[in-house]
N, C-alpha and C. Protein backbone atom coordinates (compact mmCIF):
# COMPACT_ATOMS: atom_id res chain seq x y z
N MET A 1 15.06 6.30 -4.56
CA MET A 1 13.96 6.17 -3.29
C MET A 1 12.24 6.02 -5.10
N SER A 2 12.06 5.16 -4.57
CA SER A 2 10.25 5.19 -5.58
C SER A 2 9.33 6.03 -4.69
N ASP A 3 8.64 6.94 -5.45
CA ASP A 3 8.04 7.94 -4.98
C ASP A 3 6.52 6.98 -4.41
N PHE A 4 5.96 5.89 -5.37
CA PHE A 4 5.12 5.72 -4.78
C PHE A 4 5.18 3.73 -4.03
N LEU A 5 3.90 3.41 -3.50
CA LEU A 5 3.82 2.10 -2.95
C LEU A 5 2.59 1.74 -3.52
N THR A 6 2.38 0.10 -3.95
CA THR A 6 1.70 0.10 -4.61
C THR A 6 1.24 -1.27 -3.24
N VAL A 7 -0.06 -0.81 -2.76
CA VAL A 7 -0.56 -1.72 -1.93
C VAL A 7 -1.99 -2.54 -2.37
N ALA A 8 -1.62 -3.91 -2.05
CA ALA A 8 -2.64 -5.34 -2.66
C ALA A 8 -2.95 -5.51 -1.65
N LEU A 9 -4.43 -5.14 -1.03
CA LEU A 9 -5.53 -5.27 -0.48
C LEU A 9 -6.05 -6.51 -0.25
N VAL A 10 -6.46 -7.49 0.58
CA VAL A 10 -7.09 -8.76 0.15
C VAL A 10 -8.29 -8.58 1.07
N CYS A 11 -9.31 -8.27 0.53
CA CYS A 11 -10.83 -8.55 1.84
C CYS A 11 -11.53 -9.31 1.71
N ALA A 12 -12.34 -9.57 2.83
CA ALA A 12 -13.25 -10.22 2.55
C ALA A 12 -14.56 -10.16 1.42
N GLY A 13 -14.90 -11.34 0.68
CA GLY A 13 -15.72 -11.27 0.16
C GLY A 13 -16.84 -10.45 0.42
N ALA A 14 -17.71 -10.66 1.44
CA ALA A 14 -18.91 -10.11 2.01
C ALA A 14 -18.63 -8.09 2.14
N LEU A 15 -17.37 -8.15 2.48
CA LEU A 15 -17.09 -6.82 2.71
C LEU A 15 -17.08 -5.95 1.30
N ALA A 16 -17.95 -5.12 0.99
CA ALA A 16 -18.22 -3.80 0.02
C ALA A 16 -16.54 -3.39 -0.36
N ALA A 17 -16.67 -2.82 -2.01
CA ALA A 17 -15.57 -2.61 -2.16
C ALA A 17 -14.72 -1.25 -1.52
N PRO A 18 -15.15 -0.06 -1.40
CA PRO A 18 -15.40 0.95 -0.29
C PRO A 18 -14.60 1.15 0.31
N ASP A 19 -15.33 -0.37 1.27
CA ASP A 19 -14.95 -0.34 2.99
C ASP A 19 -14.19 -1.21 3.07
N CYS A 20 -13.31 -1.95 2.00
CA CYS A 20 -12.17 -2.19 2.01
C CYS A 20 -10.87 -1.54 2.04
N SER A 21 -9.94 -1.72 2.91
CA SER A 21 -8.40 -0.69 3.70
C SER A 21 -7.74 -1.03 4.20
N ARG A 22 -7.02 -0.47 4.43
CA ARG A 22 -5.76 -0.84 5.04
C ARG A 22 -5.85 -1.74 6.48
N GLU A 23 -7.17 -0.91 7.31
CA GLU A 23 -7.60 -1.21 8.71
C GLU A 23 -8.35 -2.23 8.34
N THR A 24 -9.40 -2.60 7.15
CA THR A 24 -10.52 -3.71 6.92
C THR A 24 -9.97 -5.35 6.54
N ALA A 25 -8.79 -5.14 5.79
CA ALA A 25 -8.51 -6.03 5.23
C ALA A 25 -7.19 -7.19 5.73
N LEU A 26 -7.87 -8.27 5.63
CA LEU A 26 -7.80 -9.45 5.76
C LEU A 26 -6.02 -9.82 5.75
N ASP A 27 -5.13 -9.24 4.76
CA ASP A 27 -3.72 -9.38 4.22
C ASP A 27 -3.64 -8.23 3.49
N ILE A 28 -2.49 -7.93 3.78
CA ILE A 28 -1.75 -6.53 3.18
C ILE A 28 -0.43 -7.31 2.20
N ALA A 29 -0.06 -6.66 1.12
CA ALA A 29 1.12 -6.50 0.75
C ALA A 29 1.52 -5.28 -0.01
N VAL A 30 2.88 -4.81 0.54
CA VAL A 30 3.08 -3.45 0.14
C VAL A 30 4.37 -4.09 -0.69
N ALA A 31 4.58 -2.93 -1.58
CA ALA A 31 6.07 -2.93 -2.28
C ALA A 31 6.02 -1.70 -3.09
N PRO A 32 7.58 -1.43 -3.36
CA PRO A 32 7.73 0.35 -4.15
C PRO A 32 7.11 0.28 -5.24
N ALA A 33 7.33 1.42 -6.17
CA ALA A 33 6.96 1.62 -6.91
C ALA A 33 7.19 3.11 -8.26
N PRO A 34 7.96 2.75 -9.18
CA PRO A 34 8.85 3.97 -9.94
C PRO A 34 7.71 4.71 -10.09
N THR A 35 6.01 4.26 -10.97
CA THR A 35 5.44 5.50 -11.57
C THR A 35 3.63 4.91 -10.76
N PRO A 36 2.91 5.68 -11.15
CA PRO A 36 1.60 5.40 -10.86
C PRO A 36 1.23 4.22 -11.89
N ILE A 37 1.55 4.37 -12.90
CA ILE A 37 1.22 2.87 -13.80
C ILE A 37 2.04 1.27 -13.37
N ALA A 38 3.33 1.87 -13.31
CA ALA A 38 3.85 0.56 -12.85
C ALA A 38 3.38 0.11 -10.90
N CYS A 39 2.35 1.06 -10.75
CA CYS A 39 2.14 0.47 -9.18
C CYS A 39 0.83 -0.20 -9.34
N LEU A 40 0.04 0.26 -10.67
CA LEU A 40 -0.98 -0.67 -10.84
C LEU A 40 -1.48 -1.59 -11.23
N MET A 41 -0.38 -2.32 -12.21
CA MET A 41 0.10 -3.09 -12.82
C MET A 41 1.12 -4.40 -12.02
N GLN A 42 1.68 -4.02 -10.66
CA GLN A 42 2.76 -4.60 -9.76
C GLN A 42 1.68 -5.49 -8.95
N GLY A 43 0.12 -4.63 -8.78
CA GLY A 43 -0.55 -4.84 -7.61
C GLY A 43 -1.52 -6.64 -7.58
N GLU A 44 -1.82 -6.32 -9.18
CA GLU A 44 -1.96 -8.15 -9.27
C GLU A 44 -1.02 -9.01 -9.00
N THR A 45 0.64 -8.25 -9.81
CA THR A 45 1.40 -9.68 -10.03
C THR A 45 1.84 -10.30 -8.17
N LEU A 46 1.63 -8.63 -7.70
CA LEU A 46 2.19 -8.79 -5.88
C LEU A 46 1.09 -9.79 -5.29
N ALA A 47 0.13 -9.63 -5.67
CA ALA A 47 -1.09 -10.46 -4.95
C ALA A 47 -1.03 -12.14 -5.57
N ALA A 48 -1.22 -12.32 -6.83
CA ALA A 48 -1.09 -13.42 -7.26
C ALA A 48 0.27 -14.32 -7.09
N ARG A 49 1.57 -13.97 -6.90
CA ARG A 49 2.89 -14.59 -6.13
C ARG A 49 2.93 -14.53 -4.81
N SER A 50 2.11 -14.11 -4.03
CA SER A 50 1.68 -14.33 -2.53
C SER A 50 0.97 -15.17 -2.15
N GLY A 51 -0.12 -15.18 -3.27
CA GLY A 51 -1.11 -16.44 -3.18
C GLY A 51 -2.45 -16.20 -1.95
N LEU A 52 -2.49 -15.37 -2.01
CA LEU A 52 -3.21 -14.46 -0.58
C LEU A 52 -4.94 -14.60 -1.52
N VAL A 53 -5.03 -14.56 -2.18
CA VAL A 53 -6.28 -14.31 -3.03
C VAL A 53 -7.23 -15.67 -3.06
N ARG A 54 -8.26 -15.97 -2.43
CA ARG A 54 -8.45 -17.32 -2.26
C ARG A 54 -10.41 -17.38 -2.78
N GLY A 55 -10.17 -17.59 -3.95
CA GLY A 55 -11.19 -17.92 -4.67
C GLY A 55 -12.59 -16.55 -4.52
N GLY A 56 -13.80 -17.23 -4.14
CA GLY A 56 -14.51 -16.50 -3.74
C GLY A 56 -15.14 -15.70 -2.37
N GLU A 57 -14.12 -16.02 -1.54
CA GLU A 57 -14.01 -15.90 0.01
C GLU A 57 -13.14 -14.47 0.19
N THR A 58 -12.37 -14.30 -0.86
CA THR A 58 -11.91 -12.98 -0.67
C THR A 58 -11.45 -12.36 -2.40
N TYR A 59 -11.65 -11.14 -2.42
CA TYR A 59 -11.23 -10.23 -3.46
C TYR A 59 -10.19 -9.12 -3.26
N LEU A 60 -9.38 -9.22 -4.55
CA LEU A 60 -8.15 -8.16 -4.51
C LEU A 60 -8.81 -6.45 -4.99
N LYS A 61 -8.32 -5.26 -4.07
CA LYS A 61 -7.79 -4.11 -4.10
C LYS A 61 -6.51 -3.99 -4.33
N VAL A 62 -6.20 -2.95 -5.51
CA VAL A 62 -4.89 -2.58 -5.35
C VAL A 62 -4.93 -1.12 -5.36
N ALA A 63 -4.29 -0.54 -4.69
CA ALA A 63 -4.22 1.01 -3.81
C ALA A 63 -2.62 1.25 -4.09
N CYS A 64 -2.81 2.59 -5.20
CA CYS A 64 -1.26 3.41 -5.11
C CYS A 64 -1.20 4.37 -3.82
N GLU A 65 -0.15 4.78 -3.36
CA GLU A 65 -0.10 5.67 -2.23
C GLU A 65 1.40 6.18 -2.55
N ARG A 66 1.46 7.33 -2.14
CA ARG A 66 2.15 8.38 -2.78
C ARG A 66 3.34 8.03 -1.01
N ARG A 67 4.42 7.84 -1.24
CA ARG A 67 5.31 7.66 -0.18
C ARG A 67 5.08 9.37 0.64
N ARG A 68 4.91 8.66 1.68
CA ARG A 68 5.03 9.22 3.04
C ARG A 68 6.30 9.50 3.47
N THR A 69 7.35 10.91 3.21
CA THR A 69 9.20 11.07 3.82
C THR A 69 8.24 12.32 5.11
N ALA A 70 9.29 11.70 6.12
CA ALA A 70 9.05 12.85 7.31
C ALA A 70 9.94 14.06 6.93
N ALA A 71 9.24 15.15 7.67
CA ALA A 71 10.40 16.05 7.28
C ALA A 71 11.48 16.53 7.93
N LEU A 72 12.48 17.08 7.88
CA LEU A 72 13.82 16.85 8.97
C LEU A 72 13.90 18.13 9.77
N GLN A 73 14.07 18.65 10.56
CA GLN A 73 13.81 19.24 12.15
C GLN A 73 15.00 19.99 11.81
N PRO A 74 15.34 21.29 11.83
CA PRO A 74 16.61 21.47 12.11
C PRO A 74 16.85 21.39 13.42
N GLU A 75 17.95 21.15 13.76
CA GLU A 75 18.28 20.76 14.89
C GLU A 75 18.29 22.46 16.07
N MET A 76 17.58 21.81 17.28
CA MET A 76 17.74 23.47 18.16
C MET A 76 18.88 23.59 18.67
N ARG A 77 19.24 24.15 18.87
CA ARG A 77 20.54 25.05 19.21
C ARG A 77 20.01 26.31 20.24
N PRO A 78 20.69 26.04 21.52
CA PRO A 78 20.28 27.74 22.75
C PRO A 78 20.96 28.56 22.03
N GLU A 79 20.81 29.64 22.72
CA GLU A 79 21.12 31.36 21.54
C GLU A 79 22.57 31.46 22.51
N GLY A 80 23.37 32.03 21.35
CA GLY A 80 24.20 32.09 21.77
C GLY A 80 25.80 31.02 21.61
N ARG A 81 24.79 30.21 21.54
CA ARG A 81 26.45 28.99 20.93
C ARG A 81 26.42 29.21 19.33
């Protein structure tokens, strides 16, 4: 399993880059990436293949996120069993 996720955010041209996030993006494309460098390189390719960026109306912001995994909880058993 890849440790990173490439997140390509397509945001409105009027939105400031620091404000472009998963919550404010017009479109989002996500793909697994094995390393941070692969993550950054893959972001633009991901957006270009999808055709999401529309000239001056929108722009692309690529983010690399570490994949989150849920911690496994030990099974709770009643005492004496």
